[in-house]
Amino acid sequence: MDFSYLIKKITDSPIINYPFQHIQINDLFEPEDFEKILNSSDIKLAPCNSDKALFDELLKSAYRIIEFPGCTTDMNEYIQWHKTKSSVKKTTASCSTNTSCESFGTVLRLTTPATDIIKCLQNFLMSEEFVNCISKKFNIENKSCNYDAGIQKYLDGYEISPHPDIRRKALTYMVNINSAPNSENQNHHTSYLQFKDQFSYVKNFWEGNEKFNRCWVPWEWCDIKKQQTENNSIVIFSPSNETMHAVKADYDHLTHQRTQLYGNLWYKECQVESMPNWEQLLLPMNIESRDQNSKNNMADNFKSFIPFKVKSLFKKHTAVTSGTHLDRKT
């Protein structure tokens, strides 16, 4: 099967600037090809009546649990948590959750396709022709990058709070290949966001100091501007300080699972010193605490690593939201 027509579709697709630079192509695959993909035994698994049965089916179908942000690699831990979806604040080493998240999930990647169409598709995704196409679209020198891609299933509870991706990631793409007939109406799609005005200084902070990595932030810091709900759609972008995106899956995964073609280009070299977390980036005027001492301590913590050219922005935010400034207006 020939998937080379995807090269022209991606090459000819215009860059969309809102809410940040990306391309989105709906109806990526030709209808006949997409129908075969969805109905392949690699994608459309047999319905299950329990989480344990689902894992058995996934493992039998050559899916393997992978390390992935916001996820646990411990099947039993996930099954136990999923019974009640209790607090995510765990101390287990297997769960790499973030304090900006409220839940966690498990991600599995297909290792060995059984059907001809998925074998052909995976070969195409790994081809030099395809990698050159997506790299050129975003002016990336792919010789300076490593590439990974695959078919992944994301179970209920999977969550990554708003984030722009770390600096080492040069490009990412996601294709929805969901077998559920009503998948567009299910609650498991990628959201694309922008910072609310009172948190826009975080983007400026990242812009002002490239040696600090970008982090996840709480959902309430951002507004959702669009979602990629369309089945057979692809979104591609090159991460920047503006490429905020997030997922929080809440759906029944026993009959159909959130499934994507997922790929990344990673810079082979990327020098960063540290990753301040969202708590360290929280300005004192944005916290609920009434304790002025704690607010002053937080301000000192933030200013200790804020780059010089962003300090004026910090002062501006402080002045605009301070009681003194408000008093002058009344």
Protein backbone atom coordinates (compact mmCIF):
# COMPACT_ATOMS: atom_id res chain seq x y z
CA MET A 1 0.00 0.00 0.00
CA ASP A 2 1.29 3.44 -0.93
CA PHE A 3 0.99 6.25 1.61
CA SER A 4 3.16 8.70 -0.32
CA TYR A 5 0.14 10.94 -0.96
CA LEU A 6 0.54 12.11 2.66
CA ILE A 7 3.75 13.89 1.69
CA LYS A 8 1.93 16.24 -0.65
CA LYS A 9 -0.86 16.85 1.86
CA ILE A 10 1.63 17.88 4.54
CA THR A 11 3.80 19.90 2.15
CA ASP A 12 0.82 21.84 0.80
CA SER A 13 -0.85 22.44 4.16
CA PRO A 14 -0.77 26.08 5.33
CA ILE A 15 0.66 27.07 8.70
CA ILE A 16 -2.09 28.03 11.15
CA ASN A 17 -1.06 30.77 13.60
CA TYR A 18 -3.79 30.41 16.23
CA PRO A 19 -3.41 29.64 19.06
CA PHE A 20 0.20 29.04 17.98
CA GLN A 21 1.96 27.98 14.79
CA HIS A 22 0.93 24.48 13.67
CA ILE A 23 -0.65 22.61 10.83
CA GLN A 24 -3.84 20.59 11.07
CA ILE A 25 -5.07 18.34 8.30
CA ASN A 26 -8.46 16.71 8.63
CA ASP A 27 -9.20 13.65 6.48
CA LEU A 28 -5.49 12.87 6.40
CA PHE A 29 -5.86 9.35 5.02
CA GLU A 30 -8.02 8.51 2.04
CA PRO A 31 -11.37 7.10 3.25
CA GLU A 32 -10.67 3.57 2.04
CA ASP A 33 -7.25 3.52 3.72
CA PHE A 34 -8.59 4.94 6.97
CA GLU A 35 -11.39 2.38 7.11
CA LYS A 36 -8.82 -0.42 6.76
CA ILE A 37 -6.65 1.11 9.47
CA LEU A 38 -9.54 1.40 11.94
CA ASN A 39 -10.80 -2.12 11.28
CA SER A 40 -7.39 -3.77 11.51
CA SER A 41 -6.93 -6.11 14.44
CA ASP A 42 -3.96 -3.96 15.54
CA ILE A 43 -6.25 -0.99 16.21
CA LYS A 44 -9.73 -2.36 16.87
CA LEU A 45 -9.38 -4.79 19.75
CA ALA A 46 -11.98 -7.17 21.14
CA PRO A 47 -14.29 -5.62 23.80
CA CYS A 48 -13.36 -6.38 27.40
CA ASN A 49 -15.32 -6.54 30.64
CA SER A 50 -12.58 -5.46 33.06
CA ASP A 51 -9.30 -3.57 33.22
CA LYS A 52 -7.40 -6.82 33.75
CA ALA A 53 -9.02 -8.34 30.64
CA LEU A 54 -8.13 -5.18 28.70
CA PHE A 55 -4.47 -5.43 29.63
CA ASP A 56 -4.49 -9.11 28.68
CA GLU A 57 -5.94 -8.22 25.29
CA LEU A 58 -3.47 -5.38 24.75
CA LEU A 59 -0.47 -7.52 25.66
CA LYS A 60 -1.74 -10.37 23.46
CA SER A 61 -1.98 -7.87 20.59
CA ALA A 62 1.70 -6.90 20.99
CA TYR A 63 1.14 -3.64 22.87
CA ARG A 64 3.66 -2.93 25.62
CA ILE A 65 3.48 -0.46 28.50
CA ILE A 66 5.97 2.36 27.96
CA GLU A 67 7.40 5.09 30.13
CA PHE A 68 5.45 8.22 29.33
CA PRO A 69 4.92 11.56 31.09
CA GLY A 70 2.14 11.51 33.66
CA CYS A 71 1.85 7.72 33.57
CA THR A 72 2.57 4.63 35.61
CA THR A 73 4.34 1.63 34.10
CA ASP A 74 2.91 -0.62 36.81
CA MET A 75 -0.20 -2.38 35.47
CA ASN A 76 -1.38 -3.46 38.93
CA GLU A 77 -0.94 0.03 40.35
CA TYR A 78 -3.04 1.45 37.53
CA ILE A 79 -5.78 -1.16 37.92
CA GLN A 80 -5.95 -0.52 41.67
CA TRP A 81 -6.09 3.25 41.20
CA HIS A 82 -8.68 3.01 38.44
CA LYS A 83 -11.15 1.23 40.72
CA THR A 84 -11.82 4.45 42.60
CA LYS A 85 -9.70 7.10 40.81
CA SER A 86 -8.53 8.23 44.22
CA SER A 87 -5.95 10.90 44.91
CA VAL A 88 -3.07 10.94 42.45
CA LYS A 89 -0.52 12.16 45.00
CA LYS A 90 1.37 8.88 45.32
CA THR A 91 4.87 8.16 46.47
CA THR A 92 5.46 5.18 44.22
CA ALA A 93 8.45 5.53 41.93
CA SER A 94 6.62 4.01 38.98
CA CYS A 95 4.17 6.88 38.62
CA SER A 96 5.74 10.02 37.17
CA THR A 97 2.81 12.30 37.93
CA ASN A 98 3.09 16.04 38.27
CA THR A 99 1.57 18.20 41.00
CA SER A 100 -0.30 20.14 38.31
CA CYS A 101 -2.29 16.99 37.46
CA GLU A 102 -5.26 15.35 39.17
CA SER A 103 -5.07 11.84 37.69
CA PHE A 104 -2.77 9.49 35.83
CA GLY A 105 -2.96 6.79 33.24
CA THR A 106 -1.02 4.21 31.31
CA VAL A 107 0.24 4.38 27.73
CA LEU A 108 0.99 1.35 25.57
CA ARG A 109 2.79 1.24 22.23
CA LEU A 110 2.32 -1.33 19.48
CA THR A 111 5.58 -3.24 19.05
CA THR A 112 4.89 -5.74 16.27
CA PRO A 113 1.96 -5.12 13.91
CA ALA A 114 0.05 -8.20 12.79
CA THR A 115 -1.76 -6.72 9.79
CA ASP A 116 -0.29 -5.75 6.44
CA ILE A 117 -1.76 -2.26 6.42
CA ILE A 118 -0.30 -1.32 9.81
CA LYS A 119 3.05 -2.84 8.88
CA CYS A 120 3.03 -0.71 5.74
CA LEU A 121 1.97 2.38 7.68
CA GLN A 122 4.70 1.97 10.29
CA ASN A 123 7.31 1.49 7.57
CA PHE A 124 6.14 4.70 5.93
CA LEU A 125 6.26 6.66 9.21
CA MET A 126 9.85 5.53 9.72
CA SER A 127 10.88 6.30 6.14
CA GLU A 128 13.43 8.96 5.25
CA GLU A 129 10.88 10.48 2.88
CA PHE A 130 8.38 11.13 5.66
CA VAL A 131 10.92 12.39 8.21
CA ASN A 132 12.39 14.77 5.62
CA CYS A 133 8.90 16.05 4.83
CA ILE A 134 7.91 16.98 8.38
CA SER A 135 11.36 18.39 9.13
CA LYS A 136 11.37 20.63 6.08
CA LYS A 137 7.86 21.86 6.85
CA PHE A 138 9.15 23.43 10.07
CA ASN A 139 12.68 24.27 8.91
CA ILE A 140 14.35 21.67 11.13
CA GLU A 141 17.67 20.07 10.24
CA ASN A 142 16.76 16.46 10.88
CA LYS A 143 20.39 15.35 10.85
CA SER A 144 20.72 17.12 14.19
CA CYS A 145 17.79 15.13 15.60
CA ASN A 146 16.74 11.65 16.64
CA TYR A 147 13.32 10.42 15.60
CA ASP A 148 10.79 8.13 17.25
CA ALA A 149 7.26 7.20 16.26
CA GLY A 150 4.62 4.57 16.83
CA ILE A 151 1.00 3.65 17.45
CA GLN A 152 -0.08 4.27 21.03
CA LYS A 153 -3.14 3.65 23.18
CA TYR A 154 -3.88 5.91 26.16
CA LEU A 155 -6.08 4.47 28.88
CA ASP A 156 -8.67 6.30 30.96
CA GLY A 157 -7.21 8.79 33.43
CA TYR A 158 -4.27 9.73 31.21
CA GLU A 159 -3.44 13.36 31.92
CA ILE A 160 -0.78 15.87 30.96
CA SER A 161 -1.54 19.37 32.19
CA PRO A 162 -0.79 22.43 29.97
CA HIS A 163 2.80 22.50 28.77
CA PRO A 164 4.72 23.63 25.66
CA ASP A 165 7.12 20.62 25.58
CA ILE A 166 10.70 20.61 26.78
CA ARG A 167 13.40 22.36 24.79
CA ARG A 168 14.96 19.14 23.52
CA LYS A 169 11.86 18.33 21.48
CA ALA A 170 12.18 19.77 17.97
CA LEU A 171 8.85 18.62 16.51
CA THR A 172 5.83 16.54 17.44
CA TYR A 173 2.84 15.16 15.58
CA MET A 174 -0.37 13.40 16.59
CA VAL A 175 -2.88 11.58 14.37
CA ASN A 176 -6.24 10.48 15.76
CA ILE A 177 -7.05 6.89 14.72
CA ASN A 178 -9.87 6.11 17.13
CA SER A 179 -12.04 3.07 16.37
CA ALA A 180 -15.04 4.21 18.45
CA PRO A 181 -17.93 5.35 16.20
CA ASN A 182 -18.53 8.41 18.41
CA SER A 183 -14.89 9.15 19.21
CA GLU A 184 -15.18 12.87 18.41
CA ASN A 185 -17.67 13.22 21.27
CA GLN A 186 -15.55 11.43 23.84
CA ASN A 187 -13.56 13.22 26.51
CA HIS A 188 -9.97 12.29 25.69
CA HIS A 189 -8.78 14.75 23.06
CA THR A 190 -5.76 17.02 22.94
CA SER A 191 -6.48 20.64 23.88
CA TYR A 192 -4.49 23.59 22.56
CA LEU A 193 -4.29 26.54 24.92
CA GLN A 194 -2.97 30.02 25.69
CA PHE A 195 -1.89 31.52 29.00
CA LYS A 196 -4.40 33.72 30.78
CA ASP A 197 -3.23 37.32 31.02
CA GLN A 198 -2.20 37.08 34.66
CA PHE A 199 0.09 34.14 33.86
CA SER A 200 1.53 35.37 30.57
CA TYR A 201 4.75 36.33 32.37
CA VAL A 202 5.65 32.62 32.43
CA LYS A 203 6.00 32.60 28.64
CA ASN A 204 8.18 35.72 28.88
CA PHE A 205 10.29 34.03 31.52
CA TRP A 206 10.91 31.05 29.22
CA GLU A 207 11.74 33.45 26.40
CA GLY A 208 14.17 35.35 28.62
CA ASN A 209 16.24 32.38 29.73
CA GLU A 210 16.78 29.50 27.32
CA LYS A 211 18.88 27.57 29.84
CA PHE A 212 15.80 26.89 31.94
CA ASN A 213 13.56 24.13 30.68
CA ARG A 214 9.83 24.60 30.22
CA CYS A 215 7.48 22.87 32.65
CA TRP A 216 3.88 21.77 33.09
CA VAL A 217 1.50 24.29 34.66
CA PRO A 218 -1.96 24.01 36.26
CA TRP A 219 -5.00 23.94 34.01
CA GLU A 220 -6.38 27.11 35.57
CA TRP A 221 -3.41 29.12 34.27
CA CYS A 222 -4.62 28.69 30.68
CA ASP A 223 -7.67 28.92 28.45
CA ILE A 224 -8.51 26.21 25.93
CA LYS A 225 -8.65 27.69 22.44
CA LYS A 226 -9.26 24.56 20.35
CA GLN A 227 -9.34 20.78 20.57
CA GLN A 228 -8.25 18.14 18.09
CA THR A 229 -11.42 16.05 18.18
CA GLU A 230 -11.58 15.09 14.52
CA ASN A 231 -10.83 11.48 13.74
CA ASN A 232 -8.32 10.98 10.90
CA SER A 233 -6.73 14.36 11.69
CA ILE A 234 -3.09 15.26 12.19
CA VAL A 235 -1.59 18.17 14.10
CA ILE A 236 2.11 18.96 13.71
CA PHE A 237 4.09 21.72 15.42
CA SER A 238 7.58 22.65 16.47
CA PRO A 239 7.57 23.32 20.23
CA SER A 240 8.15 26.89 21.36
CA ASN A 241 7.31 28.98 24.41
CA GLU A 242 3.75 29.31 23.08
CA THR A 243 2.82 25.75 22.11
CA MET A 244 0.66 25.01 25.13
CA HIS A 245 -1.24 21.72 24.86
CA ALA A 246 -2.76 19.27 27.30
CA VAL A 247 -4.89 16.13 27.68
CA LYS A 248 -7.16 14.79 30.38
CA ALA A 249 -8.88 11.53 29.45
CA ASP A 250 -12.17 10.56 31.09
CA TYR A 251 -13.86 7.82 29.07
CA ASP A 252 -14.75 4.12 28.95
CA HIS A 253 -11.74 2.30 27.51
CA LEU A 254 -13.12 -1.25 27.68
CA THR A 255 -14.60 -1.29 24.16
CA HIS A 256 -12.44 1.32 22.38
CA GLN A 257 -9.24 3.07 23.41
CA ARG A 258 -7.87 6.52 22.62
CA THR A 259 -5.39 5.66 19.83
CA GLN A 260 -2.87 7.83 18.00
CA LEU A 261 -0.03 7.76 15.56
CA TYR A 262 2.51 9.68 17.59
CA GLY A 263 5.98 10.88 16.63
CA ASN A 264 8.74 13.26 17.69
CA LEU A 265 12.01 14.74 16.56
CA TRP A 266 14.49 15.24 19.41
CA TYR A 267 17.56 17.48 19.25
CA LYS A 268 20.69 15.42 19.81
CA GLU A 269 22.20 18.33 21.73
CA CYS A 270 20.29 20.68 24.01
CA GLN A 271 21.91 22.47 26.93
CA VAL A 272 19.64 23.26 29.86
CA GLU A 273 20.58 23.87 33.48
CA SER A 274 17.37 23.15 35.35
CA MET A 275 13.58 23.10 35.17
CA PRO A 276 11.84 25.44 37.61
CA ASN A 277 8.47 23.88 38.43
CA TRP A 278 5.18 25.74 38.31
CA GLU A 279 5.24 26.37 42.06
CA GLN A 280 8.50 28.29 41.64
CA LEU A 281 7.02 30.34 38.80
CA LEU A 282 3.93 31.37 40.75
CA LEU A 283 3.97 35.10 41.48
CA PRO A 284 2.82 36.16 44.96
CA MET A 285 -0.15 38.16 43.70
CA ASN A 286 -1.52 35.00 42.08
CA ILE A 287 -1.62 32.85 45.22
CA GLU A 288 -4.54 32.61 47.57
CA SER A 289 -2.48 32.99 50.73
CA ARG A 290 -3.10 36.17 52.76
CA ASP A 291 0.22 35.77 54.57
CA GLN A 292 2.42 38.62 53.32
CA ASN A 293 5.60 36.93 54.53
CA SER A 294 4.93 33.85 52.39
CA LYS A 295 4.19 36.07 49.42
CA ASN A 296 7.45 37.97 49.91
CA ASN A 297 9.38 34.70 50.18
CA MET A 298 7.82 33.46 46.96
CA ALA A 299 8.67 36.72 45.22
CA ASP A 300 12.31 36.44 46.34
CA ASN A 301 12.41 32.82 45.14
CA PHE A 302 11.10 33.81 41.72
CA LYS A 303 13.38 36.84 41.34
CA SER A 304 16.45 34.80 42.28
CA PHE A 305 16.46 33.09 38.88
CA ILE A 306 14.36 35.39 36.68
CA PRO A 307 16.40 36.79 33.77
CA PHE A 308 17.22 40.48 33.84
CA LYS A 309 15.16 41.48 30.81
CA VAL A 310 12.05 39.91 32.31
CA LYS A 311 12.40 41.64 35.69
CA SER A 312 10.67 44.73 34.35
CA LEU A 313 7.71 42.53 33.44
CA PHE A 314 7.70 41.12 36.96
CA LYS A 315 7.63 44.67 38.36
CA LYS A 316 4.83 45.60 35.97
CA HIS A 317 2.72 42.64 37.06
CA THR A 318 3.41 43.48 40.70
CA ALA A 319 2.42 47.12 40.23
CA VAL A 320 -0.72 46.39 38.26
CA THR A 321 -2.03 43.92 40.82
CA SER A 322 -0.83 45.68 43.99
CA GLY A 323 -3.18 47.40 46.37
CA THR A 324 -1.26 50.68 46.02
CA HIS A 325 -1.84 50.76 42.29
CA LEU A 326 -5.51 50.04 42.73
CA ASP A 327 -5.80 52.73 45.38
CA ARG A 328 -4.43 55.32 42.97
CA LYS A 329 -7.24 54.52 40.55
CA THR A 330 -10.01 54.93 43.14
